Amino acid sequence: MVETVYIIFLFIYAALNAVSFTLYGLDKSKARKKIWRIPEKTLLTISLFGPIGAWFGMMQFRHKTQKPMFRYLVPGFVGVHLLLVLWLNL
């Protein structure tokens, strides 16, 4: 039972990170085309739940890397997630 919950959690976590990565790429594409953009609040919210995907999206698409809020919060979210993983595995 515990293993099943763990696998489901990992699947959901991976999906959140994939969505996060995709949203950063989509927003960069929209920025280049000068069309409707994804609100920064939405990008930061998904970054809270899928920070690894957000960070990779920022680096891969070179998107939002100059904005201080994103530059510091997204790596901070990654750090919090890593600390939670370490804490839960101890």
N, C-alpha and C. Protein backbone atom coordinates (compact mmCIF):
# COMPACT_ATOMS: atom_id res chain seq x y z
N MET A 1 0.82 -1.19 0.00
CA MET A 1 0.00 0.00 0.00
C MET A 1 0.87 1.26 0.00
N VAL A 2 1.88 1.31 0.87
CA VAL A 2 2.74 2.48 0.94
C VAL A 2 3.50 2.67 -0.37
N GLU A 3 3.96 1.56 -0.97
CA GLU A 3 4.68 1.65 -2.23
C GLU A 3 3.80 2.21 -3.33
N THR A 4 2.53 1.85 -3.34
CA THR A 4 1.59 2.36 -4.35
C THR A 4 1.40 3.87 -4.19
N VAL A 5 1.23 4.32 -2.98
CA VAL A 5 1.07 5.75 -2.71
C VAL A 5 2.33 6.50 -3.13
N TYR A 6 3.48 5.93 -2.84
CA TYR A 6 4.76 6.54 -3.21
C TYR A 6 4.88 6.67 -4.73
N ILE A 7 4.52 5.63 -5.46
CA ILE A 7 4.58 5.65 -6.93
C ILE A 7 3.61 6.69 -7.49
N ILE A 8 2.41 6.75 -6.94
CA ILE A 8 1.43 7.74 -7.38
C ILE A 8 1.95 9.15 -7.12
N PHE A 9 2.51 9.38 -5.94
CA PHE A 9 3.08 10.69 -5.61
C PHE A 9 4.18 11.06 -6.59
N LEU A 10 5.08 10.14 -6.88
CA LEU A 10 6.17 10.43 -7.82
C LEU A 10 5.63 10.75 -9.21
N PHE A 11 4.61 10.03 -9.64
CA PHE A 11 4.00 10.29 -10.95
C PHE A 11 3.40 11.69 -10.99
N ILE A 12 2.66 12.06 -9.95
CA ILE A 12 2.05 13.39 -9.89
C ILE A 12 3.13 14.47 -9.84
N TYR A 13 4.17 14.23 -9.06
CA TYR A 13 5.26 15.20 -8.95
C TYR A 13 5.96 15.38 -10.30
N ALA A 14 6.20 14.29 -10.99
CA ALA A 14 6.83 14.38 -12.32
C ALA A 14 5.92 15.12 -13.29
N ALA A 15 4.61 14.86 -13.22
CA ALA A 15 3.66 15.55 -14.10
C ALA A 15 3.64 17.06 -13.82
N LEU A 16 3.67 17.45 -12.55
CA LEU A 16 3.70 18.87 -12.20
C LEU A 16 4.95 19.54 -12.74
N ASN A 17 6.08 18.87 -12.65
CA ASN A 17 7.32 19.42 -13.18
C ASN A 17 7.29 19.50 -14.70
N ALA A 18 6.69 18.51 -15.35
CA ALA A 18 6.56 18.54 -16.81
C ALA A 18 5.66 19.69 -17.25
N VAL A 19 4.55 19.90 -16.53
CA VAL A 19 3.66 21.01 -16.84
C VAL A 19 4.38 22.33 -16.64
N SER A 20 5.12 22.44 -15.57
CA SER A 20 5.87 23.65 -15.27
C SER A 20 6.86 23.96 -16.40
N PHE A 21 7.63 22.98 -16.80
CA PHE A 21 8.59 23.13 -17.90
C PHE A 21 7.88 23.58 -19.17
N THR A 22 6.77 22.93 -19.48
CA THR A 22 6.01 23.24 -20.68
C THR A 22 5.45 24.66 -20.66
N LEU A 23 4.95 25.10 -19.51
CA LEU A 23 4.40 26.45 -19.41
C LEU A 23 5.47 27.51 -19.64
N TYR A 24 6.67 27.29 -19.15
CA TYR A 24 7.74 28.25 -19.40
C TYR A 24 8.07 28.31 -20.89
N GLY A 25 8.11 27.17 -21.54
CA GLY A 25 8.36 27.14 -22.98
C GLY A 25 7.24 27.79 -23.77
N LEU A 26 6.02 27.53 -23.37
CA LEU A 26 4.86 28.12 -24.04
C LEU A 26 4.84 29.63 -23.87
N ASP A 27 5.14 30.10 -22.67
CA ASP A 27 5.14 31.54 -22.43
C ASP A 27 6.25 32.22 -23.23
N LYS A 28 7.41 31.59 -23.34
CA LYS A 28 8.50 32.16 -24.14
C LYS A 28 8.09 32.24 -25.60
N SER A 29 7.43 31.21 -26.09
CA SER A 29 6.96 31.21 -27.47
C SER A 29 5.95 32.34 -27.70
N LYS A 30 5.04 32.51 -26.75
CA LYS A 30 4.05 33.57 -26.86
C LYS A 30 4.72 34.94 -26.79
N ALA A 31 5.76 35.08 -25.99
CA ALA A 31 6.46 36.35 -25.88
C ALA A 31 7.11 36.72 -27.21
N ARG A 32 7.69 35.75 -27.86
CA ARG A 32 8.33 36.00 -29.16
C ARG A 32 7.31 36.43 -30.21
N LYS A 33 6.10 35.84 -30.14
CA LYS A 33 5.05 36.16 -31.10
C LYS A 33 4.25 37.40 -30.71
N LYS A 34 4.56 37.94 -29.53
CA LYS A 34 3.86 39.11 -29.00
C LYS A 34 2.34 38.90 -28.93
N ILE A 35 1.95 37.75 -28.40
CA ILE A 35 0.53 37.45 -28.19
C ILE A 35 0.29 37.25 -26.70
N TRP A 36 -0.97 36.97 -26.34
CA TRP A 36 -1.38 36.80 -24.95
C TRP A 36 -0.40 35.91 -24.20
N ARG A 37 -0.01 36.33 -23.00
CA ARG A 37 1.00 35.64 -22.20
C ARG A 37 0.38 34.95 -20.99
N ILE A 38 1.11 34.02 -20.45
CA ILE A 38 0.72 33.37 -19.21
C ILE A 38 1.10 34.33 -18.08
N PRO A 39 0.17 34.63 -17.17
CA PRO A 39 0.49 35.57 -16.08
C PRO A 39 1.65 35.07 -15.22
N GLU A 40 2.46 36.03 -14.75
CA GLU A 40 3.61 35.66 -13.91
C GLU A 40 3.15 34.96 -12.64
N LYS A 41 2.00 35.35 -12.12
CA LYS A 41 1.46 34.70 -10.93
C LYS A 41 1.24 33.21 -11.18
N THR A 42 0.75 32.87 -12.36
CA THR A 42 0.53 31.47 -12.72
C THR A 42 1.86 30.73 -12.82
N LEU A 43 2.85 31.35 -13.47
CA LEU A 43 4.16 30.71 -13.59
C LEU A 43 4.79 30.47 -12.21
N LEU A 44 4.67 31.45 -11.33
CA LEU A 44 5.24 31.28 -9.99
C LEU A 44 4.48 30.23 -9.18
N THR A 45 3.17 30.16 -9.36
CA THR A 45 2.38 29.17 -8.63
C THR A 45 2.76 27.76 -9.06
N ILE A 46 2.86 27.52 -10.37
CA ILE A 46 3.25 26.18 -10.83
C ILE A 46 4.70 25.90 -10.44
N SER A 47 5.52 26.96 -10.35
CA SER A 47 6.91 26.78 -9.91
C SER A 47 6.99 26.30 -8.47
N LEU A 48 6.03 26.72 -7.66
CA LEU A 48 6.00 26.28 -6.27
C LEU A 48 5.80 24.77 -6.18
N PHE A 49 4.97 24.23 -7.07
CA PHE A 49 4.64 22.80 -7.02
C PHE A 49 5.53 21.95 -7.93
N GLY A 50 6.10 22.56 -8.97
CA GLY A 50 6.98 21.85 -9.89
C GLY A 50 8.23 22.67 -10.15
N PRO A 51 9.04 22.91 -9.11
CA PRO A 51 10.17 23.84 -9.27
C PRO A 51 11.30 23.32 -10.15
N ILE A 52 11.49 22.04 -10.20
CA ILE A 52 12.59 21.50 -11.01
C ILE A 52 12.29 21.73 -12.49
N GLY A 53 11.05 21.47 -12.89
CA GLY A 53 10.64 21.74 -14.27
C GLY A 53 10.71 23.21 -14.59
N ALA A 54 10.32 24.05 -13.63
CA ALA A 54 10.38 25.50 -13.84
C ALA A 54 11.82 25.96 -14.03
N TRP A 55 12.71 25.47 -13.18
CA TRP A 55 14.11 25.87 -13.28
C TRP A 55 14.72 25.43 -14.61
N PHE A 56 14.46 24.17 -14.99
CA PHE A 56 14.96 23.70 -16.28
C PHE A 56 14.33 24.48 -17.44
N GLY A 57 13.04 24.83 -17.31
CA GLY A 57 12.38 25.63 -18.33
C GLY A 57 13.00 27.01 -18.45
N MET A 58 13.29 27.61 -17.32
CA MET A 58 13.94 28.93 -17.33
C MET A 58 15.29 28.85 -18.04
N MET A 59 16.06 27.83 -17.75
CA MET A 59 17.39 27.70 -18.34
C MET A 59 17.32 27.30 -19.82
N GLN A 60 16.46 26.35 -20.13
CA GLN A 60 16.35 25.86 -21.51
C GLN A 60 15.85 26.94 -22.45
N PHE A 61 14.81 27.65 -22.04
CA PHE A 61 14.19 28.65 -22.91
C PHE A 61 14.72 30.06 -22.67
N ARG A 62 15.64 30.21 -21.72
CA ARG A 62 16.18 31.52 -21.33
C ARG A 62 15.03 32.50 -21.11
N HIS A 63 14.14 32.08 -20.23
CA HIS A 63 12.92 32.84 -19.99
C HIS A 63 12.80 33.22 -18.52
N LYS A 64 12.56 34.48 -18.25
CA LYS A 64 12.37 35.03 -16.90
C LYS A 64 13.65 34.97 -16.06
N THR A 65 14.78 34.78 -16.69
CA THR A 65 16.03 34.66 -15.93
C THR A 65 16.55 36.01 -15.44
N GLN A 66 16.09 37.10 -16.02
CA GLN A 66 16.54 38.43 -15.62
C GLN A 66 15.64 39.06 -14.57
N LYS A 67 14.46 38.47 -14.34
CA LYS A 67 13.54 39.02 -13.35
C LYS A 67 13.94 38.50 -11.97
N PRO A 68 14.25 39.42 -11.04
CA PRO A 68 14.71 38.99 -9.71
C PRO A 68 13.75 38.05 -8.99
N MET A 69 12.45 38.29 -9.15
CA MET A 69 11.48 37.43 -8.45
C MET A 69 11.64 35.98 -8.89
N PHE A 70 11.83 35.77 -10.18
CA PHE A 70 12.00 34.42 -10.71
C PHE A 70 13.41 33.90 -10.43
N ARG A 71 14.39 34.78 -10.58
CA ARG A 71 15.79 34.38 -10.41
C ARG A 71 16.05 33.82 -9.01
N TYR A 72 15.35 34.37 -8.01
CA TYR A 72 15.60 33.93 -6.64
C TYR A 72 14.55 32.96 -6.11
N LEU A 73 13.29 33.16 -6.49
CA LEU A 73 12.24 32.29 -5.95
C LEU A 73 12.29 30.87 -6.49
N VAL A 74 12.47 30.72 -7.80
CA VAL A 74 12.46 29.37 -8.38
C VAL A 74 13.59 28.51 -7.81
N PRO A 75 14.85 28.98 -7.78
CA PRO A 75 15.87 28.16 -7.12
C PRO A 75 15.58 27.95 -5.63
N GLY A 76 14.95 28.93 -5.00
CA GLY A 76 14.54 28.77 -3.60
C GLY A 76 13.53 27.65 -3.44
N PHE A 77 12.57 27.59 -4.37
CA PHE A 77 11.58 26.51 -4.34
C PHE A 77 12.26 25.15 -4.54
N VAL A 78 13.24 25.10 -5.44
CA VAL A 78 13.99 23.85 -5.64
C VAL A 78 14.67 23.45 -4.34
N GLY A 79 15.30 24.41 -3.68
CA GLY A 79 15.97 24.12 -2.41
C GLY A 79 15.02 23.61 -1.35
N VAL A 80 13.86 24.22 -1.25
CA VAL A 80 12.85 23.77 -0.28
C VAL A 80 12.42 22.35 -0.58
N HIS A 81 12.22 22.05 -1.85
CA HIS A 81 11.81 20.69 -2.22
C HIS A 81 12.91 19.68 -1.89
N LEU A 82 14.16 20.06 -2.15
CA LEU A 82 15.26 19.15 -1.81
C LEU A 82 15.36 18.94 -0.31
N LEU A 83 15.18 20.00 0.46
CA LEU A 83 15.20 19.86 1.93
C LEU A 83 14.05 18.97 2.41
N LEU A 84 12.89 19.11 1.80
CA LEU A 84 11.76 18.24 2.17
C LEU A 84 12.04 16.78 1.87
N VAL A 85 12.67 16.53 0.71
CA VAL A 85 13.01 15.14 0.37
C VAL A 85 14.00 14.58 1.37
N LEU A 86 15.01 15.37 1.70
CA LEU A 86 16.00 14.90 2.69
C LEU A 86 15.35 14.65 4.05
N TRP A 87 14.47 15.55 4.45
CA TRP A 87 13.81 15.44 5.75
C TRP A 87 12.90 14.20 5.79
N LEU A 88 12.17 13.95 4.70
CA LEU A 88 11.25 12.82 4.67
C LEU A 88 11.97 11.48 4.57
N ASN A 89 13.18 11.48 4.04
CA ASN A 89 13.94 10.22 3.92
C ASN A 89 14.79 9.90 5.13
N LEU A 90 14.90 10.83 6.09
CA LEU A 90 15.70 10.56 7.28
C LEU A 90 14.98 9.76 8.30
